[in-house]
Amino acid sequence: MIKRIFILCILLLIAAYLVLSATVLNSEPNQRACKGMELSIKDSIDYGFITSDEIKSILKRNKLFPEGKELGSINVRRIEETLTKHPFIEKAECYLTSGGKVAIELYQRVPIIRILSNNGDNYYLDSKGEIMTTLGQPVHVAVVTGFIDRKFAKEELYPLAKFLQSNEFWKAQIEQINVTPKLELELVPRVGKHILFLGKGGDYNEKFSKLQTFYKEALNQVGWNKYERISIEFSNQIICTKKEN
């Protein structure tokens, strides 16, 4: 009899513990204070366009910084919406962790070319061909000047920028692109005091492959400053204009 009472007491204690645990788990988390923020910025090793200090500043300015707030009062969707307004953030994912923190994962937009048009436009194109505002933050990419509207930038300059980004040699060599009134492309290299004339856009793999061969076999022999203009407009020839003495 005593043994049965003892077992019954044990079972009652277990049942009470389970009820209490369920009650605590269902009611307490929303009232607990947030223990902090876990921030992850994707590709931060390769691209440092946004920083953790900047994100904290944005959240504090918008009264969304989570640390110390009750977990139930934290609006993770609003945090996401606020952060994605930043021109260098492509996507933000925010959620509460089991440890009582707010986790934020950010995906950066990567600018690959800067447009400084003669119509006053000043913006970047990102790696997906979308327009980004400059935000007053310098980024080391090729700058395009001249007669550029946004349609031309997306349809003609974006493919060129993607090609330059994919080739380490030309990415380092080309620092400026100029668009003429005829919508032809002139490139200014970092090494060599000459202008590279592409003519109309397109056929970049062929044109730059031919030009790189010319660099190796000709300019390395005669000197990088012998010509003032090198044209690769036509597929079957390279036309060079010597500098006048």
C-alpha atoms as a PDB file:
ATOM      1  CA  MET A   1       0.000   0.000   0.000  1.00  0.00           C
ATOM      2  CA  ILE A   2       2.779   2.403   0.968  1.00  0.00           C
ATOM      3  CA  LYS A   3       4.612   1.488  -2.183  1.00  0.00           C
ATOM      4  CA  ARG A   4       1.555   2.341  -4.284  1.00  0.00           C
ATOM      5  CA  ILE A   5       1.151   5.703  -2.521  1.00  0.00           C
ATOM      6  CA  PHE A   6       4.811   6.440  -3.097  1.00  0.00           C
ATOM      7  CA  ILE A   7       4.534   5.609  -6.824  1.00  0.00           C
ATOM      8  CA  LEU A   8       1.378   7.713  -7.072  1.00  0.00           C
ATOM      9  CA  CYS A   9       3.162  10.672  -5.447  1.00  0.00           C
ATOM     10  CA  ILE A  10       6.033  10.311  -7.904  1.00  0.00           C
ATOM     11  CA  LEU A  11       3.606  10.259 -10.835  1.00  0.00           C
ATOM     12  CA  LEU A  12       1.792  13.328  -9.494  1.00  0.00           C
ATOM     13  CA  LEU A  13       5.097  15.177  -9.131  1.00  0.00           C
ATOM     14  CA  ILE A  14       6.079  14.281 -12.683  1.00  0.00           C
ATOM     15  CA  ALA A  15       2.704  15.391 -13.978  1.00  0.00           C
ATOM     16  CA  ALA A  16       2.957  18.681 -12.078  1.00  0.00           C
ATOM     17  CA  TYR A  17       6.453  19.239 -13.442  1.00  0.00           C
ATOM     18  CA  LEU A  18       5.295  18.614 -17.013  1.00  0.00           C
ATOM     19  CA  VAL A  19       2.338  20.996 -16.612  1.00  0.00           C
ATOM     20  CA  LEU A  20       4.571  23.666 -15.070  1.00  0.00           C
ATOM     21  CA  SER A  21       7.203  23.228 -17.806  1.00  0.00           C
ATOM     22  CA  ALA A  22       4.591  23.525 -20.548  1.00  0.00           C
ATOM     23  CA  THR A  23       3.182  26.640 -18.909  1.00  0.00           C
ATOM     24  CA  VAL A  24       6.600  28.251 -18.618  1.00  0.00           C
ATOM     25  CA  LEU A  25       7.567  27.394 -22.176  1.00  0.00           C
ATOM     26  CA  ASN A  26       4.325  28.755 -23.564  1.00  0.00           C
ATOM     27  CA  SER A  27       4.134  31.961 -21.599  1.00  0.00           C
ATOM     28  CA  GLU A  28       7.585  33.063 -20.484  1.00  0.00           C
ATOM     29  CA  PRO A  29       9.595  33.394 -23.717  1.00  0.00           C
ATOM     30  CA  ASN A  30       7.637  36.398 -24.954  1.00  0.00           C
ATOM     31  CA  GLN A  31       8.245  38.171 -21.648  1.00  0.00           C
ATOM     32  CA  ARG A  32      11.948  37.436 -21.439  1.00  0.00           C
ATOM     33  CA  ALA A  33      14.415  40.154 -22.394  1.00  0.00           C
ATOM     34  CA  CYS A  34      16.354  39.728 -25.626  1.00  0.00           C
ATOM     35  CA  LYS A  35      19.930  38.738 -24.804  1.00  0.00           C
ATOM     36  CA  GLY A  36      21.474  40.332 -27.874  1.00  0.00           C
ATOM     37  CA  MET A  37      21.800  40.198 -31.643  1.00  0.00           C
ATOM     38  CA  GLU A  38      23.560  37.627 -33.824  1.00  0.00           C
ATOM     39  CA  LEU A  39      24.495  39.363 -37.089  1.00  0.00           C
ATOM     40  CA  SER A  40      25.773  37.531 -40.155  1.00  0.00           C
ATOM     41  CA  ILE A  41      26.810  39.503 -43.261  1.00  0.00           C
ATOM     42  CA  LYS A  42      27.244  37.182 -46.226  1.00  0.00           C
ATOM     43  CA  ASP A  43      30.380  37.623 -48.386  1.00  0.00           C
ATOM     44  CA  SER A  44      31.775  40.078 -45.833  1.00  0.00           C
ATOM     45  CA  ILE A  45      35.301  38.745 -46.485  1.00  0.00           C
ATOM     46  CA  ASP A  46      35.146  39.705 -50.159  1.00  0.00           C
ATOM     47  CA  TYR A  47      32.860  42.741 -49.891  1.00  0.00           C
ATOM     48  CA  GLY A  48      32.808  45.124 -46.949  1.00  0.00           C
ATOM     49  CA  PHE A  49      30.065  47.471 -48.090  1.00  0.00           C
ATOM     50  CA  ILE A  50      28.083  47.202 -44.849  1.00  0.00           C
ATOM     51  CA  THR A  51      29.332  46.806 -41.276  1.00  0.00           C
ATOM     52  CA  SER A  52      27.855  45.572 -38.011  1.00  0.00           C
ATOM     53  CA  ASP A  53      28.235  49.043 -36.484  1.00  0.00           C
ATOM     54  CA  GLU A  54      26.239  50.513 -39.365  1.00  0.00           C
ATOM     55  CA  ILE A  55      23.448  47.955 -38.913  1.00  0.00           C
ATOM     56  CA  LYS A  56      23.267  48.637 -35.178  1.00  0.00           C
ATOM     57  CA  SER A  57      23.083  52.364 -35.891  1.00  0.00           C
ATOM     58  CA  ILE A  58      20.211  51.869 -38.358  1.00  0.00           C
ATOM     59  CA  LEU A  59      18.239  49.738 -35.886  1.00  0.00           C
ATOM     60  CA  LYS A  60      18.799  52.168 -33.010  1.00  0.00           C
ATOM     61  CA  ARG A  61      17.809  55.135 -35.172  1.00  0.00           C
ATOM     62  CA  ASN A  62      14.545  53.376 -36.036  1.00  0.00           C
ATOM     63  CA  LYS A  63      13.993  52.187 -32.443  1.00  0.00           C
ATOM     64  CA  LEU A  64      14.335  48.557 -33.546  1.00  0.00           C
ATOM     65  CA  PHE A  65      17.527  47.523 -31.751  1.00  0.00           C
ATOM     66  CA  PRO A  66      16.407  44.315 -30.009  1.00  0.00           C
ATOM     67  CA  GLU A  67      18.797  43.883 -27.073  1.00  0.00           C
ATOM     68  CA  GLY A  68      16.997  44.294 -23.739  1.00  0.00           C
ATOM     69  CA  LYS A  69      13.498  44.369 -25.248  1.00  0.00           C
ATOM     70  CA  GLU A  70      10.865  41.746 -24.437  1.00  0.00           C
ATOM     71  CA  LEU A  71      11.039  39.031 -27.075  1.00  0.00           C
ATOM     72  CA  GLY A  72       7.297  39.291 -27.666  1.00  0.00           C
ATOM     73  CA  SER A  73       7.602  42.963 -28.602  1.00  0.00           C
ATOM     74  CA  ILE A  74      10.259  42.444 -31.295  1.00  0.00           C
ATOM     75  CA  ASN A  75       8.875  42.745 -34.841  1.00  0.00           C
ATOM     76  CA  VAL A  76      11.286  40.729 -36.979  1.00  0.00           C
ATOM     77  CA  ARG A  77       9.402  41.557 -40.206  1.00  0.00           C
ATOM     78  CA  ARG A  78       9.793  45.273 -39.580  1.00  0.00           C
ATOM     79  CA  ILE A  79      13.514  44.799 -38.946  1.00  0.00           C
ATOM     80  CA  GLU A  80      13.802  43.033 -42.323  1.00  0.00           C
ATOM     81  CA  GLU A  81      11.845  45.746 -44.130  1.00  0.00           C
ATOM     82  CA  THR A  82      13.947  48.514 -42.575  1.00  0.00           C
ATOM     83  CA  LEU A  83      17.276  46.908 -43.401  1.00  0.00           C
ATOM     84  CA  THR A  84      16.377  46.116 -47.023  1.00  0.00           C
ATOM     85  CA  LYS A  85      15.926  49.840 -47.639  1.00  0.00           C
ATOM     86  CA  HIS A  86      19.708  50.159 -47.365  1.00  0.00           C
ATOM     87  CA  PRO A  87      21.086  50.432 -50.929  1.00  0.00           C
ATOM     88  CA  PHE A  88      23.812  47.845 -50.295  1.00  0.00           C
ATOM     89  CA  ILE A  89      21.495  45.189 -48.805  1.00  0.00           C
ATOM     90  CA  GLU A  90      19.780  42.816 -51.222  1.00  0.00           C
ATOM     91  CA  LYS A  91      17.944  40.695 -48.663  1.00  0.00           C
ATOM     92  CA  ALA A  92      17.559  40.511 -44.890  1.00  0.00           C
ATOM     93  CA  GLU A  93      16.344  37.516 -42.875  1.00  0.00           C
ATOM     94  CA  CYS A  94      15.510  37.981 -39.191  1.00  0.00           C
ATOM     95  CA  TYR A  95      14.275  35.477 -36.593  1.00  0.00           C
ATOM     96  CA  LEU A  96      14.320  34.715 -32.855  1.00  0.00           C
ATOM     97  CA  THR A  97      16.726  32.044 -31.669  1.00  0.00           C
ATOM     98  CA  SER A  98      16.084  29.419 -28.999  1.00  0.00           C
ATOM     99  CA  GLY A  99      18.726  31.125 -26.880  1.00  0.00           C
ATOM    100  CA  GLY A 100      16.707  34.337 -26.578  1.00  0.00           C
ATOM    101  CA  LYS A 101      18.569  36.364 -29.201  1.00  0.00           C
ATOM    102  CA  VAL A 102      17.637  37.955 -32.522  1.00  0.00           C
ATOM    103  CA  ALA A 103      19.486  36.506 -35.509  1.00  0.00           C
ATOM    104  CA  ILE A 104      19.899  38.690 -38.606  1.00  0.00           C
ATOM    105  CA  GLU A 105      21.349  37.384 -41.878  1.00  0.00           C
ATOM    106  CA  LEU A 106      22.188  39.972 -44.529  1.00  0.00           C
ATOM    107  CA  TYR A 107      22.931  39.441 -48.207  1.00  0.00           C
ATOM    108  CA  GLN A 108      24.890  42.253 -49.828  1.00  0.00           C
ATOM    109  CA  ARG A 109      24.310  43.881 -53.200  1.00  0.00           C
ATOM    110  CA  VAL A 110      27.582  43.971 -55.108  1.00  0.00           C
ATOM    111  CA  PRO A 111      28.208  47.040 -57.312  1.00  0.00           C
ATOM    112  CA  ILE A 112      30.232  46.201 -60.423  1.00  0.00           C
ATOM    113  CA  ILE A 113      30.272  49.512 -62.324  1.00  0.00           C
ATOM    114  CA  ARG A 114      29.635  53.195 -61.617  1.00  0.00           C
ATOM    115  CA  ILE A 115      27.736  55.444 -64.004  1.00  0.00           C
ATOM    116  CA  LEU A 116      28.478  59.168 -64.211  1.00  0.00           C
ATOM    117  CA  SER A 117      26.314  60.286 -67.126  1.00  0.00           C
ATOM    118  CA  ASN A 118      26.446  63.688 -68.800  1.00  0.00           C
ATOM    119  CA  ASN A 119      22.703  63.983 -68.015  1.00  0.00           C
ATOM    120  CA  GLY A 120      23.551  64.160 -64.300  1.00  0.00           C
ATOM    121  CA  ASP A 121      22.862  60.541 -63.359  1.00  0.00           C
ATOM    122  CA  ASN A 122      25.196  59.114 -60.723  1.00  0.00           C
ATOM    123  CA  TYR A 123      24.638  55.516 -59.632  1.00  0.00           C
ATOM    124  CA  TYR A 124      26.010  51.977 -59.570  1.00  0.00           C
ATOM    125  CA  LEU A 125      24.857  48.876 -61.397  1.00  0.00           C
ATOM    126  CA  ASP A 126      24.958  45.802 -59.180  1.00  0.00           C
ATOM    127  CA  SER A 127      25.851  42.239 -60.127  1.00  0.00           C
ATOM    128  CA  LYS A 128      22.246  41.621 -61.223  1.00  0.00           C
ATOM    129  CA  GLY A 129      22.040  44.722 -63.415  1.00  0.00           C
ATOM    130  CA  GLU A 130      19.922  46.709 -60.965  1.00  0.00           C
ATOM    131  CA  ILE A 131      20.484  50.392 -60.176  1.00  0.00           C
ATOM    132  CA  MET A 132      21.988  51.284 -56.791  1.00  0.00           C
ATOM    133  CA  THR A 133      22.347  54.729 -55.256  1.00  0.00           C
ATOM    134  CA  THR A 134      25.892  55.771 -54.362  1.00  0.00           C
ATOM    135  CA  LEU A 135      25.226  56.640 -50.696  1.00  0.00           C
ATOM    136  CA  GLY A 136      28.419  58.699 -50.765  1.00  0.00           C
ATOM    137  CA  GLN A 137      30.440  55.509 -50.222  1.00  0.00           C
ATOM    138  CA  PRO A 138      33.362  54.958 -52.636  1.00  0.00           C
ATOM    139  CA  VAL A 139      33.627  51.559 -54.327  1.00  0.00           C
ATOM    140  CA  HIS A 140      36.605  50.584 -56.476  1.00  0.00           C
ATOM    141  CA  VAL A 141      34.967  49.663 -59.777  1.00  0.00           C
ATOM    142  CA  ALA A 142      35.306  50.971 -63.332  1.00  0.00           C
ATOM    143  CA  VAL A 143      33.648  54.346 -63.911  1.00  0.00           C
ATOM    144  CA  VAL A 144      31.594  55.019 -67.037  1.00  0.00           C
ATOM    145  CA  THR A 145      31.178  58.579 -68.328  1.00  0.00           C
ATOM    146  CA  GLY A 146      29.525  60.155 -71.345  1.00  0.00           C
ATOM    147  CA  PHE A 147      26.225  59.775 -73.148  1.00  0.00           C
ATOM    148  CA  ILE A 148      24.392  57.206 -71.051  1.00  0.00           C
ATOM    149  CA  ASP A 149      20.719  56.737 -70.309  1.00  0.00           C
ATOM    150  CA  ARG A 150      19.485  53.995 -67.998  1.00  0.00           C
ATOM    151  CA  LYS A 151      18.305  51.731 -70.820  1.00  0.00           C
ATOM    152  CA  PHE A 152      21.769  51.832 -72.431  1.00  0.00           C
ATOM    153  CA  ALA A 153      23.389  51.219 -69.057  1.00  0.00           C
ATOM    154  CA  LYS A 154      21.367  48.065 -68.397  1.00  0.00           C
ATOM    155  CA  GLU A 155      21.402  46.655 -71.923  1.00  0.00           C
ATOM    156  CA  GLU A 156      24.918  47.556 -73.104  1.00  0.00           C
ATOM    157  CA  LEU A 157      27.131  48.481 -70.149  1.00  0.00           C
ATOM    158  CA  TYR A 158      25.965  45.772 -67.758  1.00  0.00           C
ATOM    159  CA  PRO A 159      27.215  42.896 -70.006  1.00  0.00           C
ATOM    160  CA  LEU A 160      30.575  44.662 -70.354  1.00  0.00           C
ATOM    161  CA  ALA A 161      30.810  45.142 -66.591  1.00  0.00           C
ATOM    162  CA  LYS A 162      29.973  41.460 -66.015  1.00  0.00           C
ATOM    163  CA  PHE A 163      32.722  40.464 -68.434  1.00  0.00           C
ATOM    164  CA  LEU A 164      35.287  42.701 -66.722  1.00  0.00           C
ATOM    165  CA  GLN A 165      34.322  41.319 -63.308  1.00  0.00           C
ATOM    166  CA  SER A 166      34.779  37.759 -64.548  1.00  0.00           C
ATOM    167  CA  ASN A 167      38.313  38.379 -65.848  1.00  0.00           C
ATOM    168  CA  GLU A 168      40.925  39.271 -63.243  1.00  0.00           C
ATOM    169  CA  PHE A 169      43.326  40.846 -65.756  1.00  0.00           C
ATOM    170  CA  TRP A 170      40.787  43.197 -67.359  1.00  0.00           C
ATOM    171  CA  LYS A 171      39.094  43.917 -64.058  1.00  0.00           C
ATOM    172  CA  ALA A 172      42.403  45.312 -62.811  1.00  0.00           C
ATOM    173  CA  GLN A 173      43.384  46.976 -66.097  1.00  0.00           C
ATOM    174  CA  ILE A 174      40.252  48.961 -67.057  1.00  0.00           C
ATOM    175  CA  GLU A 175      39.578  51.971 -64.825  1.00  0.00           C
ATOM    176  CA  GLN A 176      37.305  54.109 -67.005  1.00  0.00           C
ATOM    177  CA  ILE A 177      34.901  53.711 -69.918  1.00  0.00           C
ATOM    178  CA  ASN A 178      33.620  56.592 -72.025  1.00  0.00           C
ATOM    179  CA  VAL A 179      30.478  56.466 -74.153  1.00  0.00           C
ATOM    180  CA  THR A 180      30.688  58.732 -77.214  1.00  0.00           C
ATOM    181  CA  PRO A 181      27.738  60.609 -78.796  1.00  0.00           C
ATOM    182  CA  LYS A 182      27.542  57.713 -81.314  1.00  0.00           C
ATOM    183  CA  LEU A 183      27.199  55.299 -78.375  1.00  0.00           C
ATOM    184  CA  GLU A 184      30.607  53.781 -79.048  1.00  0.00           C
ATOM    185  CA  LEU A 185      32.879  52.627 -76.241  1.00  0.00           C
ATOM    186  CA  GLU A 186      36.335  53.950 -75.371  1.00  0.00           C
ATOM    187  CA  LEU A 187      38.291  52.364 -72.529  1.00  0.00           C
ATOM    188  CA  VAL A 188      41.011  53.929 -70.400  1.00  0.00           C
ATOM    189  CA  PRO A 189      43.516  51.368 -69.039  1.00  0.00           C
ATOM    190  CA  ARG A 190      45.528  51.701 -65.827  1.00  0.00           C
ATOM    191  CA  VAL A 191      48.756  50.664 -67.552  1.00  0.00           C
ATOM    192  CA  GLY A 192      49.722  52.321 -70.837  1.00  0.00           C
ATOM    193  CA  LYS A 193      48.964  55.814 -72.061  1.00  0.00           C
ATOM    194  CA  HIS A 194      46.545  54.835 -74.800  1.00  0.00           C
ATOM    195  CA  ILE A 195      42.819  54.635 -75.453  1.00  0.00           C
ATOM    196  CA  LEU A 196      41.213  51.289 -76.294  1.00  0.00           C
ATOM    197  CA  PHE A 197      38.429  51.734 -78.846  1.00  0.00           C
ATOM    198  CA  LEU A 198      35.777  48.980 -78.803  1.00  0.00           C
ATOM    199  CA  GLY A 199      33.217  50.599 -81.084  1.00  0.00           C
ATOM    200  CA  LYS A 200      29.750  49.183 -80.447  1.00  0.00           C
ATOM    201  CA  GLY A 201      29.223  46.826 -77.547  1.00  0.00           C
ATOM    202  CA  GLY A 202      29.197  43.035 -77.787  1.00  0.00           C
ATOM    203  CA  ASP A 203      31.621  40.215 -78.694  1.00  0.00           C
ATOM    204  CA  TYR A 204      33.642  40.958 -75.566  1.00  0.00           C
ATOM    205  CA  ASN A 205      35.251  37.539 -75.249  1.00  0.00           C
ATOM    206  CA  GLU A 206      36.608  37.720 -78.799  1.00  0.00           C
ATOM    207  CA  LYS A 207      37.677  41.377 -78.632  1.00  0.00           C
ATOM    208  CA  PHE A 208      39.461  41.175 -75.310  1.00  0.00           C
ATOM    209  CA  SER A 209      41.088  37.837 -76.093  1.00  0.00           C
ATOM    210  CA  LYS A 210      42.538  39.353 -79.261  1.00  0.00           C
ATOM    211  CA  LEU A 211      43.626  42.445 -77.367  1.00  0.00           C
ATOM    212  CA  GLN A 212      45.322  40.438 -74.616  1.00  0.00           C
ATOM    213  CA  THR A 213      47.318  38.543 -77.245  1.00  0.00           C
ATOM    214  CA  PHE A 214      48.328  41.884 -78.779  1.00  0.00           C
ATOM    215  CA  TYR A 215      49.414  43.138 -75.354  1.00  0.00           C
ATOM    216  CA  LYS A 216      51.675  40.128 -74.831  1.00  0.00           C
ATOM    217  CA  GLU A 217      53.148  39.818 -78.323  1.00  0.00           C
ATOM    218  CA  ALA A 218      53.355  43.469 -79.397  1.00  0.00           C
ATOM    219  CA  LEU A 219      53.240  45.988 -76.547  1.00  0.00           C
ATOM    220  CA  ASN A 220      55.691  44.005 -74.441  1.00  0.00           C
ATOM    221  CA  GLN A 221      58.123  44.387 -77.355  1.00  0.00           C
ATOM    222  CA  VAL A 222      57.563  47.969 -78.589  1.00  0.00           C
ATOM    223  CA  GLY A 223      56.491  49.534 -75.281  1.00  0.00           C
ATOM    224  CA  TRP A 224      53.150  50.279 -73.664  1.00  0.00           C
ATOM    225  CA  ASN A 225      53.247  53.991 -74.478  1.00  0.00           C
ATOM    226  CA  LYS A 226      54.043  53.774 -78.216  1.00  0.00           C
ATOM    227  CA  TYR A 227      50.408  54.181 -79.341  1.00  0.00           C
ATOM    228  CA  GLU A 228      47.784  56.739 -78.398  1.00  0.00           C
ATOM    229  CA  ARG A 229      44.847  54.698 -79.694  1.00  0.00           C
ATOM    230  CA  ILE A 230      44.283  50.963 -80.184  1.00  0.00           C
ATOM    231  CA  SER A 231      41.109  49.941 -81.987  1.00  0.00           C
ATOM    232  CA  ILE A 232      39.621  46.459 -81.684  1.00  0.00           C
ATOM    233  CA  GLU A 233      36.337  47.481 -83.294  1.00  0.00           C
ATOM    234  CA  PHE A 234      36.666  44.988 -86.140  1.00  0.00           C
ATOM    235  CA  SER A 235      36.937  41.268 -85.544  1.00  0.00           C
ATOM    236  CA  ASN A 236      39.727  40.573 -88.037  1.00  0.00           C
ATOM    237  CA  GLN A 237      42.197  43.356 -87.243  1.00  0.00           C
ATOM    238  CA  ILE A 238      43.699  45.672 -84.631  1.00  0.00           C
ATOM    239  CA  ILE A 239      44.317  49.253 -85.752  1.00  0.00           C
ATOM    240  CA  CYS A 240      46.905  51.266 -83.841  1.00  0.00           C
ATOM    241  CA  THR A 241      47.561  54.996 -84.044  1.00  0.00           C
ATOM    242  CA  LYS A 242      51.085  56.040 -83.126  1.00  0.00           C
ATOM    243  CA  LYS A 243      51.737  59.016 -80.903  1.00  0.00           C
ATOM    244  CA  GLU A 244      52.968  62.126 -82.638  1.00  0.00           C
ATOM    245  CA  ASN A 245      56.441  63.284 -81.586  1.00  0.00           C
END
